[in-house]
């Protein structure tokens, strides 16, 4: 009886250590998946921001030359566009909290996207015999 009890506890110990190892691997893979999604999202956003910045820069540059042509002074046209940029920077600085909160919420949402799936048992799809 005592030998059987020892074998049961050894088998239980093995099962628990195996379960902990599998659970650890599951959480590690889940982290890698979320990190990959976050990096891909941030890369996409960075590429989009760079392209938007370049398009905006050249549009404002063209606007500066157009205004300069209308005012017969290229410097005045560029100065007006620089003033528009300064106004936009002021608006951005005044709304810093809103922008940073929005970015933080998007990052948290990207990380927390699949947390509902993580709470489920990884063995849930196995059929019971």
Protein backbone atom coordinates (compact mmCIF):
# COMPACT_ATOMS: atom_id res chain seq x y z
CA UNK A 1 0.00 0.00 0.00
CA UNK A 2 2.79 2.36 0.94
CA UNK A 3 4.66 1.56 -2.26
CA UNK A 4 1.53 2.19 -4.31
CA UNK A 5 1.02 5.54 -2.58
CA UNK A 6 4.63 6.50 -3.35
CA UNK A 7 4.16 5.56 -7.00
CA UNK A 8 0.96 7.61 -7.13
CA UNK A 9 2.72 10.66 -5.68
CA UNK A 10 5.67 10.24 -8.09
CA UNK A 11 3.29 9.98 -11.03
CA UNK A 12 1.39 13.02 -9.73
CA UNK A 13 4.67 14.94 -9.38
CA UNK A 14 5.62 14.06 -12.96
CA UNK A 15 2.21 15.07 -14.26
CA UNK A 16 2.34 18.40 -12.42
CA UNK A 17 5.86 19.19 -13.65
CA UNK A 18 4.85 18.27 -17.21
CA UNK A 19 1.76 20.47 -16.92
CA UNK A 20 3.84 23.40 -15.62
CA UNK A 21 6.34 23.00 -18.48
CA UNK A 22 3.59 22.88 -21.10
CA UNK A 23 1.81 25.85 -19.54
CA UNK A 24 5.08 27.81 -19.52
CA UNK A 25 5.65 27.04 -23.21
CA UNK A 26 2.08 28.07 -23.96
CA UNK A 27 2.52 31.46 -22.28
CA UNK A 28 5.89 31.93 -23.94
CA UNK A 29 4.40 31.28 -27.39
CA UNK A 30 1.47 33.53 -26.56
CA UNK A 31 3.91 36.30 -25.65
CA UNK A 32 5.86 35.78 -28.87
CA UNK A 33 2.65 35.98 -30.87
CA UNK A 34 1.59 39.22 -29.19
CA UNK A 35 5.06 40.72 -29.53
CA UNK A 36 5.07 39.81 -33.22
CA UNK A 37 1.67 41.39 -33.75
CA UNK A 38 2.79 44.51 -31.90
CA UNK A 39 6.02 44.84 -33.88
CA UNK A 40 4.21 44.31 -37.19
CA UNK A 41 1.55 46.87 -36.25
CA UNK A 42 4.16 49.40 -35.18
CA UNK A 43 6.19 48.80 -38.35
CA UNK A 44 3.10 49.35 -40.49
CA UNK A 45 2.21 52.51 -38.58
CA UNK A 46 5.77 53.81 -38.83
CA UNK A 47 5.87 53.24 -42.60
CA UNK A 48 2.49 54.93 -42.96
CA UNK A 49 3.57 57.92 -40.84
CA UNK A 50 6.76 58.34 -42.87
CA UNK A 51 4.82 58.30 -46.15
CA UNK A 52 2.21 60.71 -44.81
CA UNK A 53 4.96 62.99 -43.52
CA UNK A 54 6.71 63.01 -46.89
CA UNK A 55 3.46 63.70 -48.77
CA UNK A 56 2.52 66.48 -46.35
CA UNK A 57 6.01 67.98 -46.54
CA UNK A 58 5.95 68.18 -50.34
CA UNK A 59 2.37 69.46 -50.40
CA UNK A 60 3.29 72.24 -47.97
CA UNK A 61 6.44 72.96 -49.94
CA UNK A 62 4.34 73.30 -53.11
CA UNK A 63 1.88 75.48 -51.18
CA UNK A 64 4.78 77.68 -50.06
CA UNK A 65 5.97 78.18 -53.63
CA UNK A 66 2.40 78.78 -54.83
CA UNK A 67 1.81 81.41 -52.15
CA UNK A 68 5.22 82.87 -52.95
CA UNK A 69 4.25 83.17 -56.58
CA UNK A 70 0.95 84.86 -55.70
CA UNK A 71 2.69 87.24 -53.28
CA UNK A 72 5.66 87.77 -55.61
CA UNK A 73 7.94 86.69 -52.77
CA UNK A 74 9.04 83.10 -52.32
CA UNK A 75 10.25 83.89 -48.81
CA UNK A 76 6.81 85.19 -47.78
CA UNK A 77 5.10 82.06 -49.13
CA UNK A 78 7.49 79.77 -47.27
CA UNK A 79 7.08 81.90 -44.11
CA UNK A 80 3.30 81.51 -44.27
CA UNK A 81 3.66 77.74 -44.59
CA UNK A 82 6.13 77.76 -41.65
CA UNK A 83 3.48 79.65 -39.67
CA UNK A 84 0.93 76.96 -40.51
CA UNK A 85 3.43 74.33 -39.30
CA UNK A 86 3.93 76.29 -36.05
CA UNK A 87 0.16 76.42 -35.51
CA UNK A 88 -0.08 72.65 -36.08
CA UNK A 89 2.79 72.08 -33.63
CA UNK A 90 1.00 74.27 -31.07
CA UNK A 91 -2.21 72.26 -31.49
CA UNK A 92 -0.25 69.04 -31.06
CA UNK A 93 1.46 70.31 -27.90
CA UNK A 94 -1.85 71.50 -26.43
CA UNK A 95 -3.44 68.08 -27.07
CA UNK A 96 -0.42 66.05 -25.92
CA UNK A 97 -2.40 64.15 -23.27
CA UNK A 98 -5.11 63.13 -25.73
CA UNK A 99 -2.60 61.94 -28.34
CA UNK A 100 -0.47 60.02 -25.84
CA UNK A 101 -3.57 58.41 -24.27
CA UNK A 102 -4.83 57.35 -27.69
CA UNK A 103 -1.48 55.81 -28.64
CA UNK A 104 -1.20 54.07 -25.26
CA UNK A 105 -4.73 52.67 -25.59
CA UNK A 106 -3.94 51.35 -29.08
CA UNK A 107 -0.78 49.63 -27.85
CA UNK A 108 -2.63 48.11 -24.88
CA UNK A 109 -5.44 46.97 -27.18
CA UNK A 110 -2.91 45.33 -29.50
CA UNK A 111 -1.30 43.51 -26.58
CA UNK A 112 -4.62 42.58 -24.95
CA UNK A 113 -6.30 41.53 -28.20
CA UNK A 114 -6.26 37.77 -27.59
CA UNK A 115 -6.38 37.63 -23.79
CA UNK A 116 -9.83 36.02 -23.86
CA UNK A 117 -8.31 33.05 -25.70
CA UNK A 118 -5.46 32.76 -23.17
CA UNK A 119 -7.85 32.09 -20.27
CA UNK A 120 -9.14 28.95 -21.93
CA UNK A 121 -7.60 25.57 -21.23
CA UNK A 122 -5.09 24.68 -23.99
CA UNK A 123 -6.34 21.07 -23.80
CA UNK A 124 -9.92 22.14 -24.44
CA UNK A 125 -9.90 20.89 -28.04
CA UNK A 126 -9.00 17.34 -27.02
CA UNK A 127 -11.81 14.83 -27.11
CA UNK A 128 -12.70 13.05 -23.92
CA UNK A 129 -12.65 9.28 -23.99
